[in-house]
Amino acid sequence: MIRDPKKIQEGEKKIRMLIAGYPGIGKSTLALSAPNPLHIDVDFGIDRIEPRYRVPYIQPKDYQEILDDLTPMNTQGFDTLVFDTGGKLISLMSLWAIKKDPKYGQRDGSLSLKGYGFVGKEFVRLMDYCFYELQKNIVVVFHAVEEKDGDNTRLRIKVEGQTKNNVWEPMDLGGFVEVFGNDRTIGFSNCERYFAKGTRGIHGIWKIPALGPNSQNDFLTKLFADYNSKAAAEVAQNAADQAAYETAMETGRSIIAAVSNADAANEAMPYFKEIPHALTSEKELTVAWNKKIKELGLFYDKVLGKYTPAPKEPKGAE
């Protein structure tokens, strides 16, 4: 079924986000600032997080345990699933895939080409399941590594092989965490140093507030709320634009329908030009006006500044 995008009713949207950065830069604590999170501690690194910022967690020993734990019943009390880290998650997926079918692995225990393809698809499937079926926000944490590109050094997420392309595919936001002086920042716009992803007005570099003894760890909670407020504003603006478009089209069609000769066209022209347009109404109505003028055999005389019947060709003219 072909659907009209203008009729989409958007409520509060769940968000899928990737966070990357060097080890020890505070990625996990930042990830746990998302709304009401469940920490999927694949790296077994919860002891490195300050106790006051810890949240309920699981420490899966293999990928099957993740699949068994992430059920609607087990996750019903949470709003966000934090996978920490994505690199370790994909490593567990790889072992699970090879165990599932030996053709996905090689003799040295690494993934085969088919294995990389299978694991990449499984990563996207898991993200889709958590997002669409469990209806959760998703935050995936990745370590960053430096890669040489000619004379430049770039930051990339630490993940094996071609699966890095699949990792970015389902994400709404993706940011690299860095330190500049005493400030931590997260960048959501592509630059020479790294690839990132921003939508809904979330772009550029954002400062991450320092956490003090009485601070709330809620940076992502506020960011997600900002994301959704921008989405709501877009929906409201789209509705207003659509209403204005429909009014303009109704007015314009009524004016055009009343044009039957040159005098009527000249009388209607000032009213037609004053129509407040929205979206594509001006273009559509101009096409409709010109079509009607042509059908009536009228001609706009620039010297007289009005429409007149088109001059007849002399007899015998080829």
C-alpha atoms as a PDB file:
ATOM      1  CA  MET A   1       0.000   0.000   0.000  1.00  0.00           C
ATOM      2  CA  ILE A   2       1.342   3.417  -0.994  1.00  0.00           C
ATOM      3  CA  ARG A   3       0.981   5.835   1.923  1.00  0.00           C
ATOM      4  CA  ASP A   4       0.853   9.623   2.085  1.00  0.00           C
ATOM      5  CA  PRO A   5       3.762  10.909   4.253  1.00  0.00           C
ATOM      6  CA  LYS A   6       1.703  14.016   5.114  1.00  0.00           C
ATOM      7  CA  LYS A   7      -0.646  11.798   7.134  1.00  0.00           C
ATOM      8  CA  ILE A   8       2.034  10.390   9.454  1.00  0.00           C
ATOM      9  CA  GLN A   9       1.087  11.008  13.082  1.00  0.00           C
ATOM     10  CA  GLU A  10       4.332  11.214  15.017  1.00  0.00           C
ATOM     11  CA  GLY A  11       4.354  10.905  18.771  1.00  0.00           C
ATOM     12  CA  GLU A  12       7.395  10.616  20.996  1.00  0.00           C
ATOM     13  CA  LYS A  13       9.969   8.662  19.026  1.00  0.00           C
ATOM     14  CA  LYS A  14      12.362   6.083  20.381  1.00  0.00           C
ATOM     15  CA  ILE A  15      15.946   6.883  19.403  1.00  0.00           C
ATOM     16  CA  ARG A  16      18.852   4.722  18.247  1.00  0.00           C
ATOM     17  CA  MET A  17      22.260   6.183  19.021  1.00  0.00           C
ATOM     18  CA  LEU A  18      25.913   5.239  18.623  1.00  0.00           C
ATOM     19  CA  ILE A  19      28.561   6.660  20.978  1.00  0.00           C
ATOM     20  CA  ALA A  20      32.264   6.269  20.177  1.00  0.00           C
ATOM     21  CA  GLY A  21      35.459   7.455  21.820  1.00  0.00           C
ATOM     22  CA  TYR A  22      38.783   6.452  23.345  1.00  0.00           C
ATOM     23  CA  PRO A  23      38.796   4.068  26.321  1.00  0.00           C
ATOM     24  CA  GLY A  24      38.401   5.819  29.666  1.00  0.00           C
ATOM     25  CA  ILE A  25      36.762   8.940  28.266  1.00  0.00           C
ATOM     26  CA  GLY A  26      33.442   8.305  30.015  1.00  0.00           C
ATOM     27  CA  LYS A  27      31.410   6.716  27.210  1.00  0.00           C
ATOM     28  CA  SER A  28      29.623   4.217  29.455  1.00  0.00           C
ATOM     29  CA  THR A  29      28.582   6.830  32.013  1.00  0.00           C
ATOM     30  CA  LEU A  30      27.357   9.035  29.168  1.00  0.00           C
ATOM     31  CA  ALA A  31      25.394   6.143  27.658  1.00  0.00           C
ATOM     32  CA  LEU A  32      23.757   5.450  31.022  1.00  0.00           C
ATOM     33  CA  SER A  33      22.455   9.035  31.093  1.00  0.00           C
ATOM     34  CA  ALA A  34      19.759   7.915  28.643  1.00  0.00           C
ATOM     35  CA  PRO A  35      16.168   7.569  29.904  1.00  0.00           C
ATOM     36  CA  ASN A  36      15.676   4.711  32.406  1.00  0.00           C
ATOM     37  CA  PRO A  37      18.409   2.422  31.007  1.00  0.00           C
ATOM     38  CA  LEU A  38      19.176  -1.294  31.227  1.00  0.00           C
ATOM     39  CA  HIS A  39      22.951  -1.765  31.001  1.00  0.00           C
ATOM     40  CA  ILE A  40      23.903  -4.728  28.801  1.00  0.00           C
ATOM     41  CA  ASP A  41      27.467  -4.956  30.074  1.00  0.00           C
ATOM     42  CA  VAL A  42      28.990  -7.136  27.372  1.00  0.00           C
ATOM     43  CA  ASP A  43      32.488  -5.898  28.265  1.00  0.00           C
ATOM     44  CA  PHE A  44      32.096  -6.732  31.998  1.00  0.00           C
ATOM     45  CA  GLY A  45      33.196  -3.171  32.762  1.00  0.00           C
ATOM     46  CA  ILE A  46      30.614  -2.055  35.293  1.00  0.00           C
ATOM     47  CA  ASP A  47      33.270  -1.861  38.026  1.00  0.00           C
ATOM     48  CA  ARG A  48      34.874   1.014  36.078  1.00  0.00           C
ATOM     49  CA  ILE A  49      31.699   3.105  36.428  1.00  0.00           C
ATOM     50  CA  GLU A  50      31.242   5.188  39.577  1.00  0.00           C
ATOM     51  CA  PRO A  51      28.716   3.409  41.836  1.00  0.00           C
ATOM     52  CA  ARG A  52      26.315   6.366  41.870  1.00  0.00           C
ATOM     53  CA  TYR A  53      25.940   6.143  38.074  1.00  0.00           C
ATOM     54  CA  ARG A  54      25.354   2.394  37.881  1.00  0.00           C
ATOM     55  CA  VAL A  55      21.960   1.055  36.809  1.00  0.00           C
ATOM     56  CA  PRO A  56      20.392  -2.428  36.573  1.00  0.00           C
ATOM     57  CA  TYR A  57      22.535  -4.572  34.315  1.00  0.00           C
ATOM     58  CA  ILE A  58      23.143  -7.966  32.753  1.00  0.00           C
ATOM     59  CA  GLN A  59      26.545  -9.491  31.968  1.00  0.00           C
ATOM     60  CA  PRO A  60      25.914 -12.031  29.210  1.00  0.00           C
ATOM     61  CA  LYS A  61      28.550 -14.686  28.672  1.00  0.00           C
ATOM     62  CA  ASP A  62      27.403 -15.364  25.107  1.00  0.00           C
ATOM     63  CA  TYR A  63      25.065 -13.954  22.503  1.00  0.00           C
ATOM     64  CA  GLN A  64      22.356 -16.521  23.123  1.00  0.00           C
ATOM     65  CA  GLU A  65      22.072 -15.218  26.688  1.00  0.00           C
ATOM     66  CA  ILE A  66      21.395 -11.747  25.295  1.00  0.00           C
ATOM     67  CA  LEU A  67      18.629 -13.145  23.095  1.00  0.00           C
ATOM     68  CA  ASP A  68      17.163 -15.014  26.057  1.00  0.00           C
ATOM     69  CA  ASP A  69      17.286 -11.969  28.356  1.00  0.00           C
ATOM     70  CA  LEU A  70      15.885  -9.364  25.975  1.00  0.00           C
ATOM     71  CA  THR A  71      12.221 -10.332  26.126  1.00  0.00           C
ATOM     72  CA  PRO A  72       9.187  -8.055  26.491  1.00  0.00           C
ATOM     73  CA  MET A  73       8.645  -9.277  30.053  1.00  0.00           C
ATOM     74  CA  ASN A  74      12.266  -8.791  31.176  1.00  0.00           C
ATOM     75  CA  THR A  75      12.583  -5.316  29.664  1.00  0.00           C
ATOM     76  CA  GLN A  76       9.154  -3.871  30.433  1.00  0.00           C
ATOM     77  CA  GLY A  77      10.483  -1.648  33.230  1.00  0.00           C
ATOM     78  CA  PHE A  78      13.121   0.067  31.052  1.00  0.00           C
ATOM     79  CA  ASP A  79      13.067   2.750  28.368  1.00  0.00           C
ATOM     80  CA  THR A  80      16.597   2.361  26.967  1.00  0.00           C
ATOM     81  CA  LEU A  81      18.867  -0.599  26.195  1.00  0.00           C
ATOM     82  CA  VAL A  82      22.575   0.269  26.446  1.00  0.00           C
ATOM     83  CA  PHE A  83      24.917  -2.163  24.646  1.00  0.00           C
ATOM     84  CA  ASP A  84      28.393  -1.700  26.099  1.00  0.00           C
ATOM     85  CA  THR A  85      30.365  -2.282  23.952  1.00  0.00           C
ATOM     86  CA  GLY A  86      29.201  -2.853  20.382  1.00  0.00           C
ATOM     87  CA  GLY A  87      32.559  -4.345  19.444  1.00  0.00           C
ATOM     88  CA  LYS A  88      32.249  -7.041  22.104  1.00  0.00           C
ATOM     89  CA  LEU A  89      28.615  -7.613  21.145  1.00  0.00           C
ATOM     90  CA  ILE A  90      29.664  -8.319  17.557  1.00  0.00           C
ATOM     91  CA  SER A  91      32.431 -10.655  18.810  1.00  0.00           C
ATOM     92  CA  LEU A  92      29.811 -12.668  20.721  1.00  0.00           C
ATOM     93  CA  MET A  93      27.593 -12.655  17.634  1.00  0.00           C
ATOM     94  CA  SER A  94      30.508 -14.010  15.599  1.00  0.00           C
ATOM     95  CA  LEU A  95      31.089 -16.953  17.956  1.00  0.00           C
ATOM     96  CA  TRP A  96      27.350 -17.638  17.992  1.00  0.00           C
ATOM     97  CA  ALA A  97      27.192 -17.546  14.179  1.00  0.00           C
ATOM     98  CA  ILE A  98      30.096 -19.978  13.739  1.00  0.00           C
ATOM     99  CA  LYS A  99      28.559 -22.337  16.297  1.00  0.00           C
ATOM    100  CA  LYS A 100      25.266 -22.066  14.439  1.00  0.00           C
ATOM    101  CA  ASP A 101      26.861 -22.881  11.073  1.00  0.00           C
ATOM    102  CA  PRO A 102      30.593 -23.697  10.588  1.00  0.00           C
ATOM    103  CA  LYS A 103      30.539 -22.170   7.095  1.00  0.00           C
ATOM    104  CA  TYR A 104      30.472 -18.742   8.774  1.00  0.00           C
ATOM    105  CA  GLY A 105      33.938 -19.306  10.215  1.00  0.00           C
ATOM    106  CA  GLN A 106      37.485 -20.033   9.063  1.00  0.00           C
ATOM    107  CA  ARG A 107      40.055 -22.442  10.464  1.00  0.00           C
ATOM    108  CA  ASP A 108      41.667 -19.747  12.594  1.00  0.00           C
ATOM    109  CA  GLY A 109      38.331 -19.028  14.262  1.00  0.00           C
ATOM    110  CA  SER A 110      37.714 -15.741  12.446  1.00  0.00           C
ATOM    111  CA  LEU A 111      34.642 -15.041  10.350  1.00  0.00           C
ATOM    112  CA  SER A 112      34.443 -16.006   6.711  1.00  0.00           C
ATOM    113  CA  LEU A 113      33.109 -13.584   4.122  1.00  0.00           C
ATOM    114  CA  LYS A 114      29.666 -15.163   4.480  1.00  0.00           C
ATOM    115  CA  GLY A 115      30.063 -14.930   8.237  1.00  0.00           C
ATOM    116  CA  TYR A 116      30.645 -11.172   8.140  1.00  0.00           C
ATOM    117  CA  GLY A 117      27.532 -10.785   6.023  1.00  0.00           C
ATOM    118  CA  PHE A 118      25.466 -12.911   8.396  1.00  0.00           C
ATOM    119  CA  VAL A 119      26.685 -11.108  11.523  1.00  0.00           C
ATOM    120  CA  GLY A 120      26.062  -7.703   9.953  1.00  0.00           C
ATOM    121  CA  LYS A 121      22.484  -8.672   9.169  1.00  0.00           C
ATOM    122  CA  GLU A 122      22.040 -10.112  12.664  1.00  0.00           C
ATOM    123  CA  PHE A 123      23.205  -6.826  14.207  1.00  0.00           C
ATOM    124  CA  VAL A 124      20.590  -4.903  12.214  1.00  0.00           C
ATOM    125  CA  ARG A 125      17.952  -7.527  13.094  1.00  0.00           C
ATOM    126  CA  LEU A 126      18.721  -7.191  16.824  1.00  0.00           C
ATOM    127  CA  MET A 127      18.524  -3.393  16.646  1.00  0.00           C
ATOM    128  CA  ASP A 128      15.209  -3.625  14.782  1.00  0.00           C
ATOM    129  CA  TYR A 129      13.841  -6.085  17.340  1.00  0.00           C
ATOM    130  CA  CYS A 130      14.795  -3.855  20.286  1.00  0.00           C
ATOM    131  CA  PHE A 131      13.442  -0.758  18.548  1.00  0.00           C
ATOM    132  CA  TYR A 132      10.244  -1.951  16.886  1.00  0.00           C
ATOM    133  CA  GLU A 133       9.147  -4.904  19.001  1.00  0.00           C
ATOM    134  CA  LEU A 134      10.501  -4.041  22.447  1.00  0.00           C
ATOM    135  CA  GLN A 135       9.953  -0.332  21.666  1.00  0.00           C
ATOM    136  CA  LYS A 136      13.101   0.870  23.443  1.00  0.00           C
ATOM    137  CA  ASN A 137      15.662   3.566  22.890  1.00  0.00           C
ATOM    138  CA  ILE A 138      18.992   2.006  21.940  1.00  0.00           C
ATOM    139  CA  VAL A 139      22.465   3.260  22.784  1.00  0.00           C
ATOM    140  CA  VAL A 140      25.471   1.313  21.480  1.00  0.00           C
ATOM    141  CA  VAL A 141      28.932   2.184  22.823  1.00  0.00           C
ATOM    142  CA  PHE A 142      32.040   1.645  20.686  1.00  0.00           C
ATOM    143  CA  HIS A 143      35.725   2.126  21.353  1.00  0.00           C
ATOM    144  CA  ALA A 144      37.457   4.394  18.835  1.00  0.00           C
ATOM    145  CA  VAL A 145      40.706   3.610  17.061  1.00  0.00           C
ATOM    146  CA  GLU A 146      43.000   5.789  14.979  1.00  0.00           C
ATOM    147  CA  GLU A 147      43.471   5.000  11.301  1.00  0.00           C
ATOM    148  CA  LYS A 148      46.006   6.616   8.994  1.00  0.00           C
ATOM    149  CA  ASP A 149      44.630   8.158   5.819  1.00  0.00           C
ATOM    150  CA  GLY A 150      47.615   9.645   4.023  1.00  0.00           C
ATOM    151  CA  ASP A 151      48.916  12.429   6.232  1.00  0.00           C
ATOM    152  CA  ASN A 152      45.718  12.562   8.250  1.00  0.00           C
ATOM    153  CA  THR A 153      44.735  10.523  11.308  1.00  0.00           C
ATOM    154  CA  ARG A 154      41.054   9.659  11.534  1.00  0.00           C
ATOM    155  CA  LEU A 155      38.923   8.143  14.289  1.00  0.00           C
ATOM    156  CA  ARG A 156      36.890   5.061  13.476  1.00  0.00           C
ATOM    157  CA  ILE A 157      34.739   2.753  15.555  1.00  0.00           C
ATOM    158  CA  LYS A 158      36.541  -0.413  16.663  1.00  0.00           C
ATOM    159  CA  VAL A 159      34.704  -3.266  14.954  1.00  0.00           C
ATOM    160  CA  GLU A 160      35.802  -6.160  12.818  1.00  0.00           C
ATOM    161  CA  GLY A 161      35.635  -6.105   9.037  1.00  0.00           C
ATOM    162  CA  GLN A 162      32.728  -4.900   6.943  1.00  0.00           C
ATOM    163  CA  THR A 163      30.246  -5.016   9.822  1.00  0.00           C
ATOM    164  CA  LYS A 164      31.040  -1.347  10.575  1.00  0.00           C
ATOM    165  CA  ASN A 165      28.754  -0.404   7.681  1.00  0.00           C
ATOM    166  CA  ASN A 166      25.862  -2.390   9.183  1.00  0.00           C
ATOM    167  CA  VAL A 167      26.446  -0.766  12.567  1.00  0.00           C
ATOM    168  CA  TRP A 168      25.705   2.746  11.282  1.00  0.00           C
ATOM    169  CA  GLU A 169      22.715   1.728   9.183  1.00  0.00           C
ATOM    170  CA  PRO A 170      19.934   1.722  11.842  1.00  0.00           C
ATOM    171  CA  MET A 171      21.206   4.686  13.895  1.00  0.00           C
ATOM    172  CA  ASP A 172      19.351   7.999  14.232  1.00  0.00           C
ATOM    173  CA  LEU A 173      22.306   9.678  15.963  1.00  0.00           C
ATOM    174  CA  GLY A 174      26.005   8.922  16.131  1.00  0.00           C
ATOM    175  CA  GLY A 175      28.604  10.934  17.990  1.00  0.00           C
ATOM    176  CA  PHE A 176      32.301  10.859  18.865  1.00  0.00           C
ATOM    177  CA  VAL A 177      33.303  11.851  22.387  1.00  0.00           C
ATOM    178  CA  GLU A 178      36.500  13.885  22.736  1.00  0.00           C
ATOM    179  CA  VAL A 179      38.258  16.016  25.338  1.00  0.00           C
ATOM    180  CA  PHE A 180      39.290  19.616  24.650  1.00  0.00           C
ATOM    181  CA  GLY A 181      41.083  21.140  27.612  1.00  0.00           C
ATOM    182  CA  ASN A 182      38.834  20.554  30.605  1.00  0.00           C
ATOM    183  CA  ASP A 183      35.720  19.968  28.509  1.00  0.00           C
ATOM    184  CA  ARG A 184      34.240  16.773  27.163  1.00  0.00           C
ATOM    185  CA  THR A 185      32.311  17.115  23.928  1.00  0.00           C
ATOM    186  CA  ILE A 186      30.333  14.918  21.572  1.00  0.00           C
ATOM    187  CA  GLY A 187      30.263  15.671  17.851  1.00  0.00           C
ATOM    188  CA  PHE A 188      27.261  14.799  15.674  1.00  0.00           C
ATOM    189  CA  SER A 189      28.502  16.199  12.338  1.00  0.00           C
ATOM    190  CA  ASN A 190      30.899  14.608   9.868  1.00  0.00           C
ATOM    191  CA  CYS A 191      34.343  16.154   9.795  1.00  0.00           C
ATOM    192  CA  GLU A 192      37.884  15.313   8.738  1.00  0.00           C
ATOM    193  CA  ARG A 193      38.486  13.447  12.005  1.00  0.00           C
ATOM    194  CA  TYR A 194      35.489  11.124  12.102  1.00  0.00           C
ATOM    195  CA  PHE A 195      32.191  10.018  10.617  1.00  0.00           C
ATOM    196  CA  ALA A 196      29.145  10.980  12.687  1.00  0.00           C
ATOM    197  CA  LYS A 197      25.396  11.233  12.269  1.00  0.00           C
ATOM    198  CA  GLY A 198      22.906  13.938  13.232  1.00  0.00           C
ATOM    199  CA  THR A 199      19.181  14.341  12.554  1.00  0.00           C
ATOM    200  CA  ARG A 200      16.253  16.459  13.796  1.00  0.00           C
ATOM    201  CA  GLY A 201      18.448  19.494  14.376  1.00  0.00           C
ATOM    202  CA  ILE A 202      20.960  17.565  16.494  1.00  0.00           C
ATOM    203  CA  HIS A 203      24.190  18.609  14.740  1.00  0.00           C
ATOM    204  CA  GLY A 204      27.593  20.031  15.487  1.00  0.00           C
ATOM    205  CA  ILE A 205      29.568  19.713  18.712  1.00  0.00           C
ATOM    206  CA  TRP A 206      27.783  19.600  22.068  1.00  0.00           C
ATOM    207  CA  LYS A 207      29.486  20.175  25.414  1.00  0.00           C
ATOM    208  CA  ILE A 208      28.881  17.406  27.954  1.00  0.00           C
ATOM    209  CA  PRO A 209      28.376  18.964  31.407  1.00  0.00           C
ATOM    210  CA  ALA A 210      30.818  17.842  34.088  1.00  0.00           C
ATOM    211  CA  LEU A 211      29.288  15.621  36.764  1.00  0.00           C
ATOM    212  CA  GLY A 212      29.640  16.878  40.326  1.00  0.00           C
ATOM    213  CA  PRO A 213      28.647  15.292  43.644  1.00  0.00           C
ATOM    214  CA  ASN A 214      25.047  16.474  43.292  1.00  0.00           C
ATOM    215  CA  SER A 215      24.748  16.262  39.514  1.00  0.00           C
ATOM    216  CA  GLN A 216      22.147  14.204  37.728  1.00  0.00           C
ATOM    217  CA  ASN A 217      23.528  11.949  35.007  1.00  0.00           C
ATOM    218  CA  ASP A 218      20.872  12.963  32.473  1.00  0.00           C
ATOM    219  CA  PHE A 219      22.651  14.397  29.416  1.00  0.00           C
ATOM    220  CA  LEU A 220      21.128  11.910  26.948  1.00  0.00           C
ATOM    221  CA  THR A 221      17.739  12.082  28.638  1.00  0.00           C
ATOM    222  CA  LYS A 222      17.687  15.821  27.907  1.00  0.00           C
ATOM    223  CA  LEU A 223      19.133  15.307  24.420  1.00  0.00           C
ATOM    224  CA  PHE A 224      16.431  12.762  23.546  1.00  0.00           C
ATOM    225  CA  ALA A 225      13.762  15.133  24.884  1.00  0.00           C
ATOM    226  CA  ASP A 226      15.223  17.906  22.698  1.00  0.00           C
ATOM    227  CA  TYR A 227      15.195  15.552  19.711  1.00  0.00           C
ATOM    228  CA  ASN A 228      11.522  14.770  20.253  1.00  0.00           C
ATOM    229  CA  SER A 229      10.560  18.404  20.854  1.00  0.00           C
ATOM    230  CA  LYS A 230      12.124  19.287  17.497  1.00  0.00           C
ATOM    231  CA  ALA A 231      10.212  16.401  15.921  1.00  0.00           C
ATOM    232  CA  ALA A 232       6.956  17.684  17.441  1.00  0.00           C
ATOM    233  CA  ALA A 233       7.701  21.198  16.171  1.00  0.00           C
ATOM    234  CA  GLU A 234       8.321  19.815  12.674  1.00  0.00           C
ATOM    235  CA  VAL A 235       5.021  17.930  12.746  1.00  0.00           C
ATOM    236  CA  ALA A 236       3.158  21.072  13.883  1.00  0.00           C
ATOM    237  CA  GLN A 237       4.826  23.173  11.165  1.00  0.00           C
ATOM    238  CA  ASN A 238       4.064  20.546   8.530  1.00  0.00           C
ATOM    239  CA  ALA A 239       0.405  20.548   9.598  1.00  0.00           C
ATOM    240  CA  ALA A 240       0.259  24.345   9.351  1.00  0.00           C
ATOM    241  CA  ASP A 241       1.955  24.302   5.943  1.00  0.00           C
ATOM    242  CA  GLN A 242      -0.429  21.626   4.698  1.00  0.00           C
ATOM    243  CA  ALA A 243      -3.472  23.609   5.847  1.00  0.00           C
ATOM    244  CA  ALA A 244      -2.150  26.762   4.152  1.00  0.00           C
ATOM    245  CA  TYR A 245      -1.418  24.754   0.985  1.00  0.00           C
ATOM    246  CA  GLU A 246      -4.942  23.360   0.835  1.00  0.00           C
ATOM    247  CA  THR A 247      -6.454  26.820   1.371  1.00  0.00           C
ATOM    248  CA  ALA A 248      -4.272  28.297  -1.383  1.00  0.00           C
ATOM    249  CA  MET A 249      -5.174  25.506  -3.806  1.00  0.00           C
ATOM    250  CA  GLU A 250      -8.895  25.828  -3.097  1.00  0.00           C
ATOM    251  CA  THR A 251      -8.778  29.610  -3.598  1.00  0.00           C
ATOM    252  CA  GLY A 252      -6.668  29.359  -6.743  1.00  0.00           C
ATOM    253  CA  ARG A 253      -8.810  26.682  -8.379  1.00  0.00           C
ATOM    254  CA  SER A 254     -11.951  28.739  -7.673  1.00  0.00           C
ATOM    255  CA  ILE A 255     -10.436  31.824  -9.317  1.00  0.00           C
ATOM    256  CA  ILE A 256      -9.222  29.846 -12.348  1.00  0.00           C
ATOM    257  CA  ALA A 257     -12.595  28.131 -12.786  1.00  0.00           C
ATOM    258  CA  ALA A 258     -14.304  31.539 -13.063  1.00  0.00           C
ATOM    259  CA  VAL A 259     -12.051  32.687 -15.930  1.00  0.00           C
ATOM    260  CA  SER A 260     -13.945  32.372 -19.223  1.00  0.00           C
ATOM    261  CA  ASN A 261     -12.560  35.180 -21.406  1.00  0.00           C
ATOM    262  CA  ALA A 262      -9.974  37.960 -21.510  1.00  0.00           C
ATOM    263  CA  ASP A 263     -12.001  40.378 -19.375  1.00  0.00           C
ATOM    264  CA  ALA A 264     -12.518  37.710 -16.685  1.00  0.00           C
ATOM    265  CA  ALA A 265      -8.796  36.853 -16.765  1.00  0.00           C
ATOM    266  CA  ASN A 266      -7.819  40.500 -16.326  1.00  0.00           C
ATOM    267  CA  GLU A 267     -10.292  40.920 -13.473  1.00  0.00           C
ATOM    268  CA  ALA A 268      -9.093  37.715 -11.757  1.00  0.00           C
ATOM    269  CA  MET A 269      -5.369  38.286 -12.198  1.00  0.00           C
ATOM    270  CA  PRO A 270      -4.834  40.652  -9.185  1.00  0.00           C
ATOM    271  CA  TYR A 271      -6.700  38.274  -6.859  1.00  0.00           C
ATOM    272  CA  PHE A 272      -4.733  35.311  -8.220  1.00  0.00           C
ATOM    273  CA  LYS A 273      -1.432  37.078  -7.542  1.00  0.00           C
ATOM    274  CA  GLU A 274      -2.412  37.865  -3.933  1.00  0.00           C
ATOM    275  CA  ILE A 275      -2.960  34.220  -2.928  1.00  0.00           C
ATOM    276  CA  PRO A 276      -0.767  33.374   0.136  1.00  0.00           C
ATOM    277  CA  HIS A 277       1.133  30.312  -1.040  1.00  0.00           C
ATOM    278  CA  ALA A 278       2.529  27.344   0.880  1.00  0.00           C
ATOM    279  CA  LEU A 279       4.578  24.312  -0.125  1.00  0.00           C
ATOM    280  CA  THR A 280       4.115  23.791  -3.901  1.00  0.00           C
ATOM    281  CA  SER A 281       0.840  25.707  -4.338  1.00  0.00           C
ATOM    282  CA  GLU A 282       2.381  28.580  -6.338  1.00  0.00           C
ATOM    283  CA  LYS A 283       3.992  26.264  -8.868  1.00  0.00           C
ATOM    284  CA  GLU A 284       0.883  24.069  -9.239  1.00  0.00           C
ATOM    285  CA  LEU A 285      -1.538  26.955  -9.573  1.00  0.00           C
ATOM    286  CA  THR A 286       0.692  28.796 -12.065  1.00  0.00           C
ATOM    287  CA  VAL A 287       0.670  25.690 -14.272  1.00  0.00           C
ATOM    288  CA  ALA A 288      -3.133  25.469 -13.958  1.00  0.00           C
ATOM    289  CA  TRP A 289      -3.560  29.202 -14.745  1.00  0.00           C
ATOM    290  CA  ASN A 290      -1.356  29.022 -17.858  1.00  0.00           C
ATOM    291  CA  LYS A 291      -3.213  25.930 -19.029  1.00  0.00           C
ATOM    292  CA  LYS A 292      -6.569  27.731 -18.724  1.00  0.00           C
ATOM    293  CA  ILE A 293      -5.225  30.811 -20.551  1.00  0.00           C
ATOM    294  CA  LYS A 294      -4.000  28.599 -23.391  1.00  0.00           C
ATOM    295  CA  GLU A 295      -7.322  26.743 -23.604  1.00  0.00           C
ATOM    296  CA  LEU A 296      -9.151  30.076 -23.933  1.00  0.00           C
ATOM    297  CA  GLY A 297      -6.814  31.222 -26.667  1.00  0.00           C
ATOM    298  CA  LEU A 298      -5.652  34.266 -24.711  1.00  0.00           C
ATOM    299  CA  PHE A 299      -2.427  36.218 -24.992  1.00  0.00           C
ATOM    300  CA  TYR A 300      -0.782  38.493 -22.411  1.00  0.00           C
ATOM    301  CA  ASP A 301       0.079  41.764 -24.085  1.00  0.00           C
ATOM    302  CA  LYS A 302       3.085  43.205 -22.227  1.00  0.00           C
ATOM    303  CA  VAL A 303       2.582  46.661 -23.770  1.00  0.00           C
ATOM    304  CA  LEU A 304      -1.047  46.895 -22.646  1.00  0.00           C
ATOM    305  CA  GLY A 305      -0.380  44.930 -19.459  1.00  0.00           C
ATOM    306  CA  LYS A 306      -3.425  42.710 -19.866  1.00  0.00           C
ATOM    307  CA  TYR A 307      -4.793  39.599 -21.523  1.00  0.00           C
ATOM    308  CA  THR A 308      -6.267  39.847 -25.019  1.00  0.00           C
ATOM    309  CA  PRO A 309      -7.460  37.257 -27.500  1.00  0.00           C
ATOM    310  CA  ALA A 310      -4.444  35.773 -29.234  1.00  0.00           C
ATOM    311  CA  PRO A 311      -3.820  37.361 -32.675  1.00  0.00           C
ATOM    312  CA  LYS A 312      -5.096  35.251 -35.546  1.00  0.00           C
ATOM    313  CA  GLU A 313      -2.616  34.077 -38.120  1.00  0.00           C
ATOM    314  CA  PRO A 314      -3.137  35.660 -41.581  1.00  0.00           C
ATOM    315  CA  LYS A 315      -4.778  33.482 -44.204  1.00  0.00           C
ATOM    316  CA  GLY A 316      -2.352  31.486 -46.273  1.00  0.00           C
ATOM    317  CA  ALA A 317       0.337  31.519 -43.600  1.00  0.00           C
ATOM    318  CA  GLU A 318       2.201  28.243 -43.307  1.00  0.00           C
END
